[in-house]
């Protein structure tokens, strides 16, 4: 549930008045699991910690729980603020909170930092108990199914036998789909936003280019930079710049920056270097990210993204893959998203229809590229809210 500290209550109240639907101050929680977790790579984690946040109240029969699965660089802080001085809310705050599509007046929302992350959950920057040093490159390779299995244990800890919905965008959508296959009886709805059943060769190429930028940095030290008190910030900044470009659309970048200059001039006879606004923007995004994210985690998560293939174990037949699913589905895509194009969502919809599963689909007009799933959009908001209203109506009827 949302936790409010008394010393910040006045600031929270003031902020909530300015921002209707704000959750105010939220407090992360953590739990260390001592039961070994067997991983898809064949290795086992003897123990691990997951950091998570919850919003709203779990109802008496525990039927109103919603799991939020984060995307590549996401984490547990999906909504609300960590302090009264926090400059910005959680990464999906526009869609989670009182009166929002994922309405915390009706839903109990759980958002976690995935295993392998760098925001408190056990990952490459954590201490390897066998050596007493950071795991670094020795941390096990992870697959999406490993995240789903660890999330299922978190659900057990919270006493949640079945999610009202598992929701995710991009890499989070892949986790949501994997939930429907691995634990078909443990979710009633699967919401997949701007995602795909597997990456295209182009997407894998972008991820490999980003990884090469990190590993080519002299401060990478074979992944053991923490042991040498170094950090490959330049490589990670370039990796983020590469990724960030793919999350935006040509039209969106053009409208936001065009060819506007930040400095310099094209005046004839002036020997001066020119800097475009978009160059400055990308460097800012890269520098900001490189100071807050672990490079080994970025490598690990992009590899998990590359390795994901929903139908691989089902003879490359997505209809056969979904045959065991028991939930209802909502698929959402965005017209200008070229990294996870609408065609990828329609492939999922076609497979679900041939598997005779109930599915709703919306293709949202947006110039914002892949990032559109995180940003305000009236039609997206209406579609999302309408579907989640239906989810809430189900457990309301069942609870009577």
Protein backbone atom coordinates (compact mmCIF):
# COMPACT_ATOMS: atom_id res chain seq x y z
CA UNK A 1 0.00 0.00 0.00
CA UNK A 2 1.10 3.61 -0.41
CA UNK A 3 3.10 4.83 2.56
CA UNK A 4 3.06 8.49 3.62
CA UNK A 5 5.63 9.94 6.01
CA UNK A 6 4.13 12.43 8.51
CA UNK A 7 6.92 14.98 8.10
CA UNK A 8 6.18 15.20 4.37
CA UNK A 9 2.38 15.09 4.59
CA UNK A 10 1.95 18.83 4.11
CA UNK A 11 4.19 18.85 1.03
CA UNK A 12 2.39 15.81 -0.33
CA UNK A 13 -0.99 17.44 0.22
CA UNK A 14 0.20 20.58 -1.56
CA UNK A 15 1.58 18.56 -4.45
CA UNK A 16 -1.59 16.47 -4.72
CA UNK A 17 -3.63 19.67 -4.93
CA UNK A 18 -1.55 20.76 -7.90
CA UNK A 19 -1.40 17.28 -9.40
CA UNK A 20 -4.77 15.52 -9.15
CA UNK A 21 -4.30 11.78 -9.04
CA UNK A 22 -0.86 11.90 -7.46
CA UNK A 23 0.04 9.05 -5.14
CA UNK A 24 2.22 11.39 -3.11
CA UNK A 25 5.21 9.86 -1.32
CA UNK A 26 5.79 6.15 -1.88
CA UNK A 27 8.29 3.98 -0.03
CA UNK A 28 10.12 1.08 -1.72
CA UNK A 29 10.20 -2.30 -0.02
CA UNK A 30 12.58 -5.24 -0.42
CA UNK A 31 12.64 -8.93 0.32
CA UNK A 32 15.47 -11.46 0.19
CA UNK A 33 14.40 -14.88 -1.07
CA UNK A 34 16.41 -17.77 0.35
CA UNK A 35 14.84 -20.46 -1.81
CA UNK A 36 17.23 -21.20 -4.72
CA UNK A 37 16.05 -20.03 -8.15
CA UNK A 38 16.96 -22.30 -11.07
CA UNK A 39 17.64 -20.18 -14.16
CA UNK A 40 17.08 -20.92 -17.84
CA UNK A 41 20.85 -20.79 -18.45
CA UNK A 42 21.33 -23.83 -16.19
CA UNK A 43 22.79 -21.94 -13.24
CA UNK A 44 21.10 -21.33 -9.87
CA UNK A 45 20.90 -18.28 -7.64
CA UNK A 46 20.96 -19.53 -4.06
CA UNK A 47 19.42 -16.31 -2.77
CA UNK A 48 18.39 -12.96 -4.25
CA UNK A 49 16.70 -9.71 -3.28
CA UNK A 50 13.85 -7.99 -5.10
CA UNK A 51 12.95 -4.34 -4.54
CA UNK A 52 9.35 -3.36 -5.19
CA UNK A 53 6.68 -0.73 -4.58
CA UNK A 54 2.96 -1.18 -4.02
CA UNK A 55 0.16 1.33 -4.54
CA UNK A 56 -3.45 1.07 -3.37
CA UNK A 57 -5.04 -1.51 -1.07
CA UNK A 58 -5.32 -5.26 -1.55
CA UNK A 59 -8.98 -6.23 -1.20
CA UNK A 60 -10.26 -8.94 1.13
CA UNK A 61 -10.22 -11.78 -1.40
CA UNK A 62 -6.96 -10.51 -3.01
CA UNK A 63 -8.55 -10.35 -6.43
CA UNK A 64 -7.64 -6.76 -7.38
CA UNK A 65 -3.85 -7.06 -7.76
CA UNK A 66 -2.10 -5.75 -10.89
CA UNK A 67 1.54 -6.48 -11.73
CA UNK A 68 3.51 -3.83 -13.63
CA UNK A 69 6.43 -5.27 -15.63
CA UNK A 70 9.05 -2.69 -16.49
CA UNK A 71 10.84 -2.09 -19.77
CA UNK A 72 14.57 -2.19 -20.50
CA UNK A 73 15.82 0.62 -18.26
CA UNK A 74 12.82 0.72 -15.92
CA UNK A 75 12.64 -0.25 -12.28
CA UNK A 76 10.30 -0.47 -9.30
CA UNK A 77 9.50 3.25 -9.09
CA UNK A 78 6.55 3.41 -11.49
CA UNK A 79 4.43 6.09 -9.80
CA UNK A 80 4.38 8.67 -7.04
CA UNK A 81 7.40 10.42 -5.52
CA UNK A 82 10.20 9.20 -3.28
CA UNK A 83 10.42 12.52 -1.44
CA UNK A 84 8.77 15.91 -1.33
CA UNK A 85 11.81 17.26 -3.22
CA UNK A 86 11.74 14.57 -5.93
CA UNK A 87 11.92 16.48 -9.25
CA UNK A 88 9.81 13.96 -11.14
CA UNK A 89 7.47 11.05 -10.38
CA UNK A 90 7.84 7.38 -11.28
CA UNK A 91 8.25 6.38 -14.91
CA UNK A 92 4.55 5.53 -15.54
CA UNK A 93 2.94 8.02 -13.20
CA UNK A 94 0.62 9.34 -15.92
CA UNK A 95 -1.16 5.98 -16.01
CA UNK A 96 -1.02 4.80 -12.38
CA UNK A 97 -2.82 6.53 -9.52
CA UNK A 98 -6.24 7.58 -8.25
CA UNK A 99 -8.61 8.09 -11.17
CA UNK A 100 -6.00 7.08 -13.76
CA UNK A 101 -6.28 4.07 -16.11
CA UNK A 102 -4.66 1.83 -13.49
CA UNK A 103 -6.80 3.29 -10.72
CA UNK A 104 -5.25 2.78 -7.28
CA UNK A 105 -8.61 3.47 -5.67
CA UNK A 106 -9.64 0.10 -7.10
CA UNK A 107 -6.43 -1.81 -7.83
CA UNK A 108 -3.56 -2.97 -5.66
CA UNK A 109 -0.56 -2.33 -7.90
CA UNK A 110 2.82 -4.05 -7.60
CA UNK A 111 5.88 -2.77 -9.47
CA UNK A 112 9.32 -4.30 -9.02
CA UNK A 113 12.92 -3.91 -10.12
CA UNK A 114 13.70 -7.08 -12.05
CA UNK A 115 16.35 -9.55 -11.03
CA UNK A 116 19.61 -8.41 -12.63
CA UNK A 117 18.64 -4.75 -12.21
CA UNK A 118 20.66 -2.00 -10.63
CA UNK A 119 18.07 -0.29 -8.45
CA UNK A 120 18.29 -2.52 -5.40
CA UNK A 121 17.42 -5.96 -6.75
CA UNK A 122 20.24 -8.49 -6.98
CA UNK A 123 22.25 -7.90 -10.12
CA UNK A 124 25.76 -7.51 -11.55
CA UNK A 125 26.58 -4.62 -9.20
CA UNK A 126 25.59 -6.69 -6.14
CA UNK A 127 28.10 -8.63 -4.07
CA UNK A 128 28.72 -12.21 -5.15
CA UNK A 129 28.54 -14.17 -1.88
CA UNK A 130 31.02 -16.72 -3.23
CA UNK A 131 33.78 -14.14 -3.77
CA UNK A 132 32.84 -11.13 -1.67
CA UNK A 133 33.32 -8.95 -4.77
CA UNK A 134 30.79 -7.48 -7.21
CA UNK A 135 29.24 -10.06 -9.52
CA UNK A 136 30.15 -8.01 -12.58
CA UNK A 137 30.32 -10.14 -15.74
CA UNK A 138 30.02 -13.33 -13.67
CA UNK A 139 26.34 -12.67 -13.00
CA UNK A 140 24.23 -15.37 -14.70
CA UNK A 141 22.63 -14.71 -18.06
CA UNK A 142 18.91 -14.17 -17.62
CA UNK A 143 15.88 -14.83 -19.77
CA UNK A 144 12.44 -13.27 -19.56
CA UNK A 145 11.11 -16.50 -18.05
CA UNK A 146 13.54 -16.07 -15.12
CA UNK A 147 12.00 -12.70 -14.34
CA UNK A 148 8.52 -14.20 -14.51
CA UNK A 149 9.46 -17.02 -12.11
CA UNK A 150 10.94 -14.54 -9.62
CA UNK A 151 7.83 -12.35 -9.95
CA UNK A 152 5.67 -15.38 -9.17
CA UNK A 153 7.59 -15.82 -5.92
CA UNK A 154 6.96 -12.18 -5.07
CA UNK A 155 3.24 -12.81 -5.71
CA UNK A 156 3.42 -15.77 -3.30
CA UNK A 157 5.06 -13.54 -0.69
CA UNK A 158 2.22 -11.01 -1.03
CA UNK A 159 -0.44 -13.73 -0.87
CA UNK A 160 -1.61 -13.12 -4.44
CA UNK A 161 -2.73 -16.36 -6.07
CA UNK A 162 -4.00 -14.72 -9.24
CA UNK A 163 -3.36 -11.29 -10.77
CA UNK A 164 -6.33 -9.33 -12.02
CA UNK A 165 -3.93 -8.21 -14.75
CA UNK A 166 -0.28 -8.38 -15.70
CA UNK A 167 0.65 -5.23 -17.61
CA UNK A 168 3.79 -4.24 -19.50
CA UNK A 169 5.13 -2.13 -22.32
CA UNK A 170 8.00 -3.08 -24.65
CA UNK A 171 10.17 -5.62 -22.76
CA UNK A 172 7.46 -5.49 -20.07
CA UNK A 173 4.95 -6.72 -22.63
CA UNK A 174 7.17 -9.72 -23.30
CA UNK A 175 7.08 -10.54 -19.60
CA UNK A 176 3.29 -10.20 -19.56
CA UNK A 177 2.97 -12.64 -22.47
CA UNK A 178 5.39 -15.06 -20.80
CA UNK A 179 3.20 -14.95 -17.68
CA UNK A 180 0.24 -16.14 -19.76
CA UNK A 181 2.26 -19.19 -20.86
CA UNK A 182 4.18 -20.05 -17.68
CA UNK A 183 1.36 -19.45 -15.17
CA UNK A 184 -1.89 -19.52 -17.19
CA UNK A 185 -4.07 -19.90 -14.09
CA UNK A 186 -2.46 -16.99 -12.24
CA UNK A 187 -3.67 -14.04 -14.34
CA UNK A 188 -7.06 -13.05 -15.66
CA UNK A 189 -5.91 -10.34 -18.09
CA UNK A 190 -2.70 -9.74 -20.03
CA UNK A 191 -2.04 -6.19 -21.25
CA UNK A 192 0.72 -5.97 -23.87
CA UNK A 193 1.73 -2.50 -25.07
CA UNK A 194 4.16 -1.71 -27.90
CA UNK A 195 5.78 -5.13 -27.82
CA UNK A 196 6.58 -8.16 -30.00
CA UNK A 197 6.89 -11.94 -29.87
CA UNK A 198 10.58 -11.61 -30.78
CA UNK A 199 13.02 -8.96 -31.94
CA UNK A 200 13.77 -8.29 -35.58
CA UNK A 201 17.35 -8.59 -36.85
CA UNK A 202 17.49 -4.78 -36.97
CA UNK A 203 16.54 -4.53 -33.31
CA UNK A 204 19.19 -7.08 -32.34
CA UNK A 205 21.71 -5.07 -34.38
CA UNK A 206 20.89 -1.87 -32.48
CA UNK A 207 21.33 -3.68 -29.17
CA UNK A 208 24.66 -5.17 -30.23
CA UNK A 209 25.92 -1.76 -31.35
CA UNK A 210 25.01 -0.36 -27.94
CA UNK A 211 26.79 -3.22 -26.16
CA UNK A 212 29.88 -2.68 -28.30
CA UNK A 213 29.91 0.98 -27.30
CA UNK A 214 30.03 -0.09 -23.63
CA UNK A 215 32.56 -2.90 -23.93
CA UNK A 216 34.89 -0.80 -26.13
CA UNK A 217 35.22 1.88 -23.45
CA UNK A 218 38.72 1.58 -21.87
CA UNK A 219 37.09 1.89 -18.43
CA UNK A 220 34.96 -1.21 -18.97
CA UNK A 221 37.83 -3.44 -17.77
CA UNK A 222 36.23 -6.63 -19.01
CA UNK A 223 33.16 -5.84 -16.92
CA UNK A 224 35.14 -5.59 -13.65
CA UNK A 225 35.15 -1.80 -13.50
CA UNK A 226 33.66 -1.67 -9.98
CA UNK A 227 36.58 -3.68 -8.59
CA UNK A 228 38.95 -1.15 -10.16
CA UNK A 229 36.92 1.88 -9.08
CA UNK A 230 36.21 2.86 -12.67
CA UNK A 231 33.08 3.31 -14.74
CA UNK A 232 32.66 3.19 -18.55
CA UNK A 233 30.47 6.28 -18.59
CA UNK A 234 31.37 7.33 -22.12
CA UNK A 235 30.47 3.94 -23.57
CA UNK A 236 27.23 3.72 -21.61
CA UNK A 237 26.29 7.27 -22.65
CA UNK A 238 26.77 6.38 -26.32
CA UNK A 239 24.75 3.16 -25.81
CA UNK A 240 21.91 5.19 -24.35
CA UNK A 241 22.09 7.67 -27.22
CA UNK A 242 21.79 4.81 -29.72
CA UNK A 243 18.82 3.35 -27.85
CA UNK A 244 17.15 6.71 -27.37
CA UNK A 245 17.22 7.43 -31.11
CA UNK A 246 15.36 4.16 -31.77
CA UNK A 247 12.67 5.04 -29.22
CA UNK A 248 11.78 8.25 -31.07
CA UNK A 249 10.34 8.84 -34.53
CA UNK A 250 11.74 10.96 -37.34
CA UNK A 251 8.60 13.11 -37.22
CA UNK A 252 8.82 13.50 -33.45
CA UNK A 253 12.47 14.52 -33.55
CA UNK A 254 11.75 16.91 -36.41
CA UNK A 255 8.92 18.62 -34.58
CA UNK A 256 10.88 18.87 -31.33
CA UNK A 257 14.26 19.95 -32.72
CA UNK A 258 14.24 20.28 -36.49
CA UNK A 259 17.63 21.67 -37.52
CA UNK A 260 17.69 24.30 -34.80
CA UNK A 261 21.13 25.31 -33.59
CA UNK A 262 22.26 25.36 -29.99
CA UNK A 263 25.48 27.16 -30.81
CA UNK A 264 27.52 28.33 -33.77
CA UNK A 265 26.48 29.82 -37.08
CA UNK A 266 26.47 29.01 -40.79
CA UNK A 267 27.39 32.58 -41.67
CA UNK A 268 29.86 32.66 -44.54
CA UNK A 269 33.38 33.50 -43.49
CA UNK A 270 32.88 32.40 -39.87
CA UNK A 271 35.07 29.47 -38.82
CA UNK A 272 33.01 28.19 -35.90
CA UNK A 273 31.83 24.72 -34.96
CA UNK A 274 28.07 24.26 -35.14
CA UNK A 275 26.04 22.26 -32.61
CA UNK A 276 22.46 21.25 -33.35
CA UNK A 277 19.86 21.15 -30.56
CA UNK A 278 19.30 17.43 -31.15
CA UNK A 279 23.02 16.74 -30.56
CA UNK A 280 22.90 18.53 -27.22
CA UNK A 281 19.70 16.70 -26.27
CA UNK A 282 21.17 13.26 -26.99
CA UNK A 283 24.36 14.01 -25.08
CA UNK A 284 22.31 15.18 -22.11
CA UNK A 285 20.25 11.97 -22.16
CA UNK A 286 23.39 9.85 -22.42
CA UNK A 287 25.24 11.68 -19.65
CA UNK A 288 22.25 11.52 -17.31
CA UNK A 289 21.74 7.80 -17.89
CA UNK A 290 25.43 6.92 -17.56
CA UNK A 291 25.46 8.33 -14.04
CA UNK A 292 22.55 6.25 -12.81
CA UNK A 293 22.59 2.86 -14.57
CA UNK A 294 24.97 -0.08 -14.31
CA UNK A 295 26.68 -0.97 -17.63
CA UNK A 296 26.68 -4.73 -16.93
CA UNK A 297 22.95 -4.54 -16.22
CA UNK A 298 22.40 -2.79 -19.56
CA UNK A 299 24.31 -5.58 -21.32
CA UNK A 300 22.38 -8.27 -19.42
CA UNK A 301 18.95 -6.78 -20.13
CA UNK A 302 19.56 -6.12 -23.83
CA UNK A 303 20.67 -9.73 -24.19
CA UNK A 304 17.51 -10.96 -22.47
CA UNK A 305 15.58 -8.79 -24.93
CA UNK A 306 17.47 -10.32 -27.87
CA UNK A 307 17.01 -13.90 -26.63
CA UNK A 308 13.25 -13.62 -26.14
CA UNK A 309 11.27 -15.67 -28.66
CA UNK A 310 7.80 -16.59 -27.45
CA UNK A 311 7.26 -19.46 -29.91
CA UNK A 312 10.77 -21.01 -29.97
CA UNK A 313 9.83 -23.90 -27.67
CA UNK A 314 6.58 -24.49 -29.55
CA UNK A 315 7.97 -25.37 -32.97
CA UNK A 316 8.08 -21.65 -33.88
CA UNK A 317 4.26 -21.72 -33.93
CA UNK A 318 2.81 -18.78 -31.95
CA UNK A 319 -0.68 -20.30 -32.07
CA UNK A 320 0.66 -23.42 -30.35
CA UNK A 321 2.51 -21.19 -27.86
CA UNK A 322 -0.70 -19.44 -26.84
CA UNK A 323 -2.79 -22.61 -26.82
CA UNK A 324 -2.33 -23.06 -23.08
CA UNK A 325 -3.16 -19.46 -22.14
CA UNK A 326 -6.40 -18.90 -20.21
CA UNK A 327 -6.60 -15.12 -19.83
CA UNK A 328 -8.03 -12.24 -21.86
CA UNK A 329 -5.69 -9.94 -23.77
CA UNK A 330 -5.39 -6.27 -24.64
CA UNK A 331 -2.83 -5.30 -27.29
CA UNK A 332 -1.88 -1.68 -28.00
CA UNK A 333 0.50 -0.32 -30.65
CA UNK A 334 1.48 3.14 -31.93
CA UNK A 335 1.58 4.22 -35.55
CA UNK A 336 5.05 5.84 -35.51
CA UNK A 337 6.73 3.14 -33.42
CA UNK A 338 9.25 1.65 -35.84
CA UNK A 339 11.19 -0.33 -33.22
CA UNK A 340 8.08 -2.30 -32.15
CA UNK A 341 5.89 -1.54 -35.13
CA UNK A 342 2.11 -2.14 -35.21
CA UNK A 343 2.76 -5.15 -37.47
CA UNK A 344 4.40 -6.90 -34.51
CA UNK A 345 1.31 -6.38 -32.36
CA UNK A 346 -0.97 -7.54 -35.15
CA UNK A 347 1.07 -10.76 -35.36
CA UNK A 348 0.30 -11.36 -31.69
CA UNK A 349 -3.38 -10.56 -32.22
CA UNK A 350 -3.59 -12.97 -35.17
CA UNK A 351 -2.00 -15.76 -33.12
CA UNK A 352 -4.39 -15.15 -30.23
CA UNK A 353 -7.41 -15.19 -32.52
CA UNK A 354 -6.31 -18.47 -34.11
CA UNK A 355 -5.82 -19.86 -30.60
CA UNK A 356 -9.46 -18.86 -29.89
CA UNK A 357 -8.50 -16.49 -27.09
CA UNK A 358 -10.38 -13.26 -26.31
CA UNK A 359 -8.34 -10.27 -27.50
CA UNK A 360 -8.89 -6.54 -27.94
CA UNK A 361 -6.57 -4.44 -30.08
CA UNK A 362 -6.03 -0.71 -30.53
CA UNK A 363 -3.61 1.03 -32.86
CA UNK A 364 -3.01 4.53 -31.51
CA UNK A 365 -2.11 7.49 -33.69
CA UNK A 366 1.00 9.12 -32.25
CA UNK A 367 4.08 10.92 -33.63
CA UNK A 368 6.18 9.98 -30.58
CA UNK A 369 7.61 6.63 -31.70
CA UNK A 370 8.21 3.81 -29.23
CA UNK A 371 8.24 6.23 -26.29
CA UNK A 372 4.53 6.87 -26.92
CA UNK A 373 3.55 4.13 -24.48
CA UNK A 374 5.00 6.25 -21.64
CA UNK A 375 3.54 9.60 -22.69
CA UNK A 376 0.14 11.30 -22.40
CA UNK A 377 -2.22 10.55 -25.28
CA UNK A 378 -6.01 11.02 -24.96
CA UNK A 379 -7.07 8.05 -27.11
CA UNK A 380 -4.49 5.72 -25.56
CA UNK A 381 -5.66 6.83 -22.13
CA UNK A 382 -9.33 6.18 -23.02
CA UNK A 383 -8.61 2.72 -24.46
CA UNK A 384 -6.45 1.77 -21.49
CA UNK A 385 -8.92 3.14 -18.92
CA UNK A 386 -11.92 1.48 -20.58
CA UNK A 387 -10.23 -1.90 -20.57
CA UNK A 388 -9.07 -1.60 -16.96
CA UNK A 389 -12.59 -0.49 -15.95
CA UNK A 390 -13.78 -3.81 -17.32
CA UNK A 391 -11.12 -5.65 -15.32
CA UNK A 392 -12.24 -3.86 -12.15
CA UNK A 393 -15.90 -4.60 -12.88
CA UNK A 394 -15.12 -8.32 -13.00
CA UNK A 395 -13.69 -8.59 -9.49
CA UNK A 396 -16.35 -6.20 -8.18
CA UNK A 397 -19.07 -8.60 -9.44
CA UNK A 398 -17.23 -11.65 -8.12
CA UNK A 399 -16.81 -10.06 -4.69
CA UNK A 400 -20.56 -9.61 -4.18
